């Protein structure tokens, strides 16, 4: 997990540090050393990353594709199970679509939904 992904997932896990240290996995782990989670990250970076990685794996972020099919369950799907072409309007990126690159569409649909 790179640093950017770590901090994004940590923010998602801790709801931007709004859940309280007692409810946060990093806060609970840092209690064992009697330090704040920022110090825990400094003293035990491998453990901090492992905690966040495991949480992220257990709590995957919803993708645009999942969000779309929750809202439009009867929308047509292509052979790979993605929304058929033309559904890009839903994303608001229709002007940025590249009709010659269907793989780019899959990448776009697999992006996480911003919370």
C-alpha atoms as a PDB file:
ATOM      1  CA  UNK A   1       0.000   0.000   0.000  1.00  0.00           C
ATOM      2  CA  UNK A   2       1.506   3.327  -1.013  1.00  0.00           C
ATOM      3  CA  UNK A   3       1.410   6.357   1.275  1.00  0.00           C
ATOM      4  CA  UNK A   4      -1.452   8.114  -0.521  1.00  0.00           C
ATOM      5  CA  UNK A   5      -3.658   5.025  -0.405  1.00  0.00           C
ATOM      6  CA  UNK A   6      -2.725   4.468   3.243  1.00  0.00           C
ATOM      7  CA  UNK A   7      -3.840   7.950   4.266  1.00  0.00           C
ATOM      8  CA  UNK A   8      -7.044   7.754   2.198  1.00  0.00           C
ATOM      9  CA  UNK A   9      -7.964   4.390   3.705  1.00  0.00           C
ATOM     10  CA  UNK A  10      -6.993   5.550   7.198  1.00  0.00           C
ATOM     11  CA  UNK A  11      -9.282   8.568   6.784  1.00  0.00           C
ATOM     12  CA  UNK A  12     -12.100   6.309   5.587  1.00  0.00           C
ATOM     13  CA  UNK A  13     -11.499   3.835   8.429  1.00  0.00           C
ATOM     14  CA  UNK A  14     -11.466   6.542  11.104  1.00  0.00           C
ATOM     15  CA  UNK A  15     -14.097   8.681   9.371  1.00  0.00           C
ATOM     16  CA  UNK A  16     -11.508  11.450   9.333  1.00  0.00           C
ATOM     17  CA  UNK A  17     -10.759  10.869  13.024  1.00  0.00           C
ATOM     18  CA  UNK A  18     -14.388  11.443  13.966  1.00  0.00           C
ATOM     19  CA  UNK A  19     -15.107   8.012  15.467  1.00  0.00           C
ATOM     20  CA  UNK A  20     -12.963   8.483  18.553  1.00  0.00           C
ATOM     21  CA  UNK A  21      -9.734   6.698  19.425  1.00  0.00           C
ATOM     22  CA  UNK A  22     -11.537   3.989  21.401  1.00  0.00           C
ATOM     23  CA  UNK A  23     -13.404   2.962  18.248  1.00  0.00           C
ATOM     24  CA  UNK A  24     -10.434   3.224  15.895  1.00  0.00           C
ATOM     25  CA  UNK A  25      -8.191   0.246  15.242  1.00  0.00           C
ATOM     26  CA  UNK A  26      -5.093   2.455  15.218  1.00  0.00           C
ATOM     27  CA  UNK A  27      -6.145   4.081  18.475  1.00  0.00           C
ATOM     28  CA  UNK A  28      -6.740   0.719  20.101  1.00  0.00           C
ATOM     29  CA  UNK A  29      -3.376  -0.601  18.870  1.00  0.00           C
ATOM     30  CA  UNK A  30      -1.561   2.522  20.017  1.00  0.00           C
ATOM     31  CA  UNK A  31      -3.094   2.152  23.489  1.00  0.00           C
ATOM     32  CA  UNK A  32      -0.956  -0.949  23.935  1.00  0.00           C
ATOM     33  CA  UNK A  33       2.117   1.288  23.725  1.00  0.00           C
ATOM     34  CA  UNK A  34       0.409   4.136  25.588  1.00  0.00           C
ATOM     35  CA  UNK A  35       0.981   6.546  22.687  1.00  0.00           C
ATOM     36  CA  UNK A  36      -1.183   8.499  20.245  1.00  0.00           C
ATOM     37  CA  UNK A  37      -1.865   6.853  16.886  1.00  0.00           C
ATOM     38  CA  UNK A  38       0.464   9.312  15.117  1.00  0.00           C
ATOM     39  CA  UNK A  39       3.276   8.120  17.373  1.00  0.00           C
ATOM     40  CA  UNK A  40       2.212   4.510  16.794  1.00  0.00           C
ATOM     41  CA  UNK A  41       2.574   5.111  13.052  1.00  0.00           C
ATOM     42  CA  UNK A  42       6.058   6.488  13.646  1.00  0.00           C
ATOM     43  CA  UNK A  43       7.220   3.719  16.021  1.00  0.00           C
ATOM     44  CA  UNK A  44       5.433   0.794  14.344  1.00  0.00           C
ATOM     45  CA  UNK A  45       4.822   1.808  10.709  1.00  0.00           C
ATOM     46  CA  UNK A  46       4.620  -1.781   9.439  1.00  0.00           C
ATOM     47  CA  UNK A  47       1.953  -2.634  11.991  1.00  0.00           C
ATOM     48  CA  UNK A  48      -0.009   0.556  11.272  1.00  0.00           C
ATOM     49  CA  UNK A  49      -0.007  -0.171   7.532  1.00  0.00           C
ATOM     50  CA  UNK A  50      -1.029  -3.784   8.159  1.00  0.00           C
ATOM     51  CA  UNK A  51      -3.964  -2.664  10.329  1.00  0.00           C
ATOM     52  CA  UNK A  52      -5.215  -0.232   7.681  1.00  0.00           C
ATOM     53  CA  UNK A  53      -4.657  -2.719   4.828  1.00  0.00           C
ATOM     54  CA  UNK A  54      -6.617  -5.442   6.605  1.00  0.00           C
ATOM     55  CA  UNK A  55      -9.452  -3.048   7.430  1.00  0.00           C
ATOM     56  CA  UNK A  56      -9.579  -1.822   3.817  1.00  0.00           C
ATOM     57  CA  UNK A  57      -9.654  -5.391   2.527  1.00  0.00           C
ATOM     58  CA  UNK A  58     -12.534  -6.242   4.871  1.00  0.00           C
ATOM     59  CA  UNK A  59     -14.387  -3.000   3.996  1.00  0.00           C
ATOM     60  CA  UNK A  60     -13.956  -2.443   0.256  1.00  0.00           C
ATOM     61  CA  UNK A  61     -15.141   0.876  -1.050  1.00  0.00           C
ATOM     62  CA  UNK A  62     -18.155   0.802  -3.334  1.00  0.00           C
ATOM     63  CA  UNK A  63     -17.309   1.325  -7.007  1.00  0.00           C
ATOM     64  CA  UNK A  64     -19.139   3.500  -9.504  1.00  0.00           C
ATOM     65  CA  UNK A  65     -20.336   0.306 -11.196  1.00  0.00           C
ATOM     66  CA  UNK A  66     -21.887  -1.000  -7.948  1.00  0.00           C
ATOM     67  CA  UNK A  67     -23.475   2.363  -7.205  1.00  0.00           C
ATOM     68  CA  UNK A  68     -24.909   2.575 -10.713  1.00  0.00           C
ATOM     69  CA  UNK A  69     -26.471  -0.890 -10.636  1.00  0.00           C
ATOM     70  CA  UNK A  70     -27.917  -0.268  -7.159  1.00  0.00           C
ATOM     71  CA  UNK A  71     -29.695   2.774  -8.571  1.00  0.00           C
ATOM     72  CA  UNK A  72     -30.490   1.270 -11.985  1.00  0.00           C
ATOM     73  CA  UNK A  73     -30.739  -2.508 -11.517  1.00  0.00           C
ATOM     74  CA  UNK A  74     -32.337  -3.068 -14.920  1.00  0.00           C
ATOM     75  CA  UNK A  75     -29.732  -1.119 -16.894  1.00  0.00           C
ATOM     76  CA  UNK A  76     -28.208  -3.115 -19.751  1.00  0.00           C
ATOM     77  CA  UNK A  77     -24.849  -4.800 -19.122  1.00  0.00           C
ATOM     78  CA  UNK A  78     -22.089  -5.643 -21.546  1.00  0.00           C
ATOM     79  CA  UNK A  79     -20.441  -9.068 -21.832  1.00  0.00           C
ATOM     80  CA  UNK A  80     -18.188  -8.343 -18.823  1.00  0.00           C
ATOM     81  CA  UNK A  81     -21.048  -7.181 -16.580  1.00  0.00           C
ATOM     82  CA  UNK A  82     -20.319  -3.472 -16.866  1.00  0.00           C
ATOM     83  CA  UNK A  83     -22.905  -0.855 -17.871  1.00  0.00           C
ATOM     84  CA  UNK A  84     -23.293  -0.720 -21.631  1.00  0.00           C
ATOM     85  CA  UNK A  85     -21.882   2.200 -23.546  1.00  0.00           C
ATOM     86  CA  UNK A  86     -23.875   5.371 -23.230  1.00  0.00           C
ATOM     87  CA  UNK A  87     -24.277   5.032 -19.473  1.00  0.00           C
ATOM     88  CA  UNK A  88     -21.334   7.412 -19.039  1.00  0.00           C
ATOM     89  CA  UNK A  89     -23.836  10.239 -18.740  1.00  0.00           C
ATOM     90  CA  UNK A  90     -24.547   8.893 -15.243  1.00  0.00           C
ATOM     91  CA  UNK A  91     -20.970   9.627 -14.236  1.00  0.00           C
ATOM     92  CA  UNK A  92     -21.012  13.151 -15.609  1.00  0.00           C
ATOM     93  CA  UNK A  93     -17.925  12.397 -17.663  1.00  0.00           C
ATOM     94  CA  UNK A  94     -19.586  11.915 -21.014  1.00  0.00           C
ATOM     95  CA  UNK A  95     -17.476  14.626 -22.637  1.00  0.00           C
ATOM     96  CA  UNK A  96     -14.311  12.887 -21.419  1.00  0.00           C
ATOM     97  CA  UNK A  97     -15.223   9.432 -22.715  1.00  0.00           C
ATOM     98  CA  UNK A  98     -12.908   7.949 -25.273  1.00  0.00           C
ATOM     99  CA  UNK A  99     -15.065   5.862 -27.626  1.00  0.00           C
ATOM    100  CA  UNK A 100     -12.002   4.014 -28.915  1.00  0.00           C
ATOM    101  CA  UNK A 101     -10.985   2.795 -25.437  1.00  0.00           C
ATOM    102  CA  UNK A 102     -13.489   0.452 -23.784  1.00  0.00           C
ATOM    103  CA  UNK A 103     -10.805  -0.531 -21.245  1.00  0.00           C
ATOM    104  CA  UNK A 104     -10.752   3.099 -20.105  1.00  0.00           C
ATOM    105  CA  UNK A 105     -14.465   2.773 -19.405  1.00  0.00           C
ATOM    106  CA  UNK A 106     -13.862  -0.272 -17.206  1.00  0.00           C
ATOM    107  CA  UNK A 107     -11.196   1.621 -15.275  1.00  0.00           C
ATOM    108  CA  UNK A 108     -13.633   4.489 -14.778  1.00  0.00           C
ATOM    109  CA  UNK A 109     -16.453   2.199 -13.592  1.00  0.00           C
ATOM    110  CA  UNK A 110     -14.058   0.485 -11.165  1.00  0.00           C
ATOM    111  CA  UNK A 111     -13.140   3.779  -9.481  1.00  0.00           C
ATOM    112  CA  UNK A 112     -14.344   4.066  -5.880  1.00  0.00           C
ATOM    113  CA  UNK A 113     -17.363   6.225  -5.130  1.00  0.00           C
ATOM    114  CA  UNK A 114     -16.330   9.340  -3.263  1.00  0.00           C
ATOM    115  CA  UNK A 115     -17.939   9.419   0.157  1.00  0.00           C
END
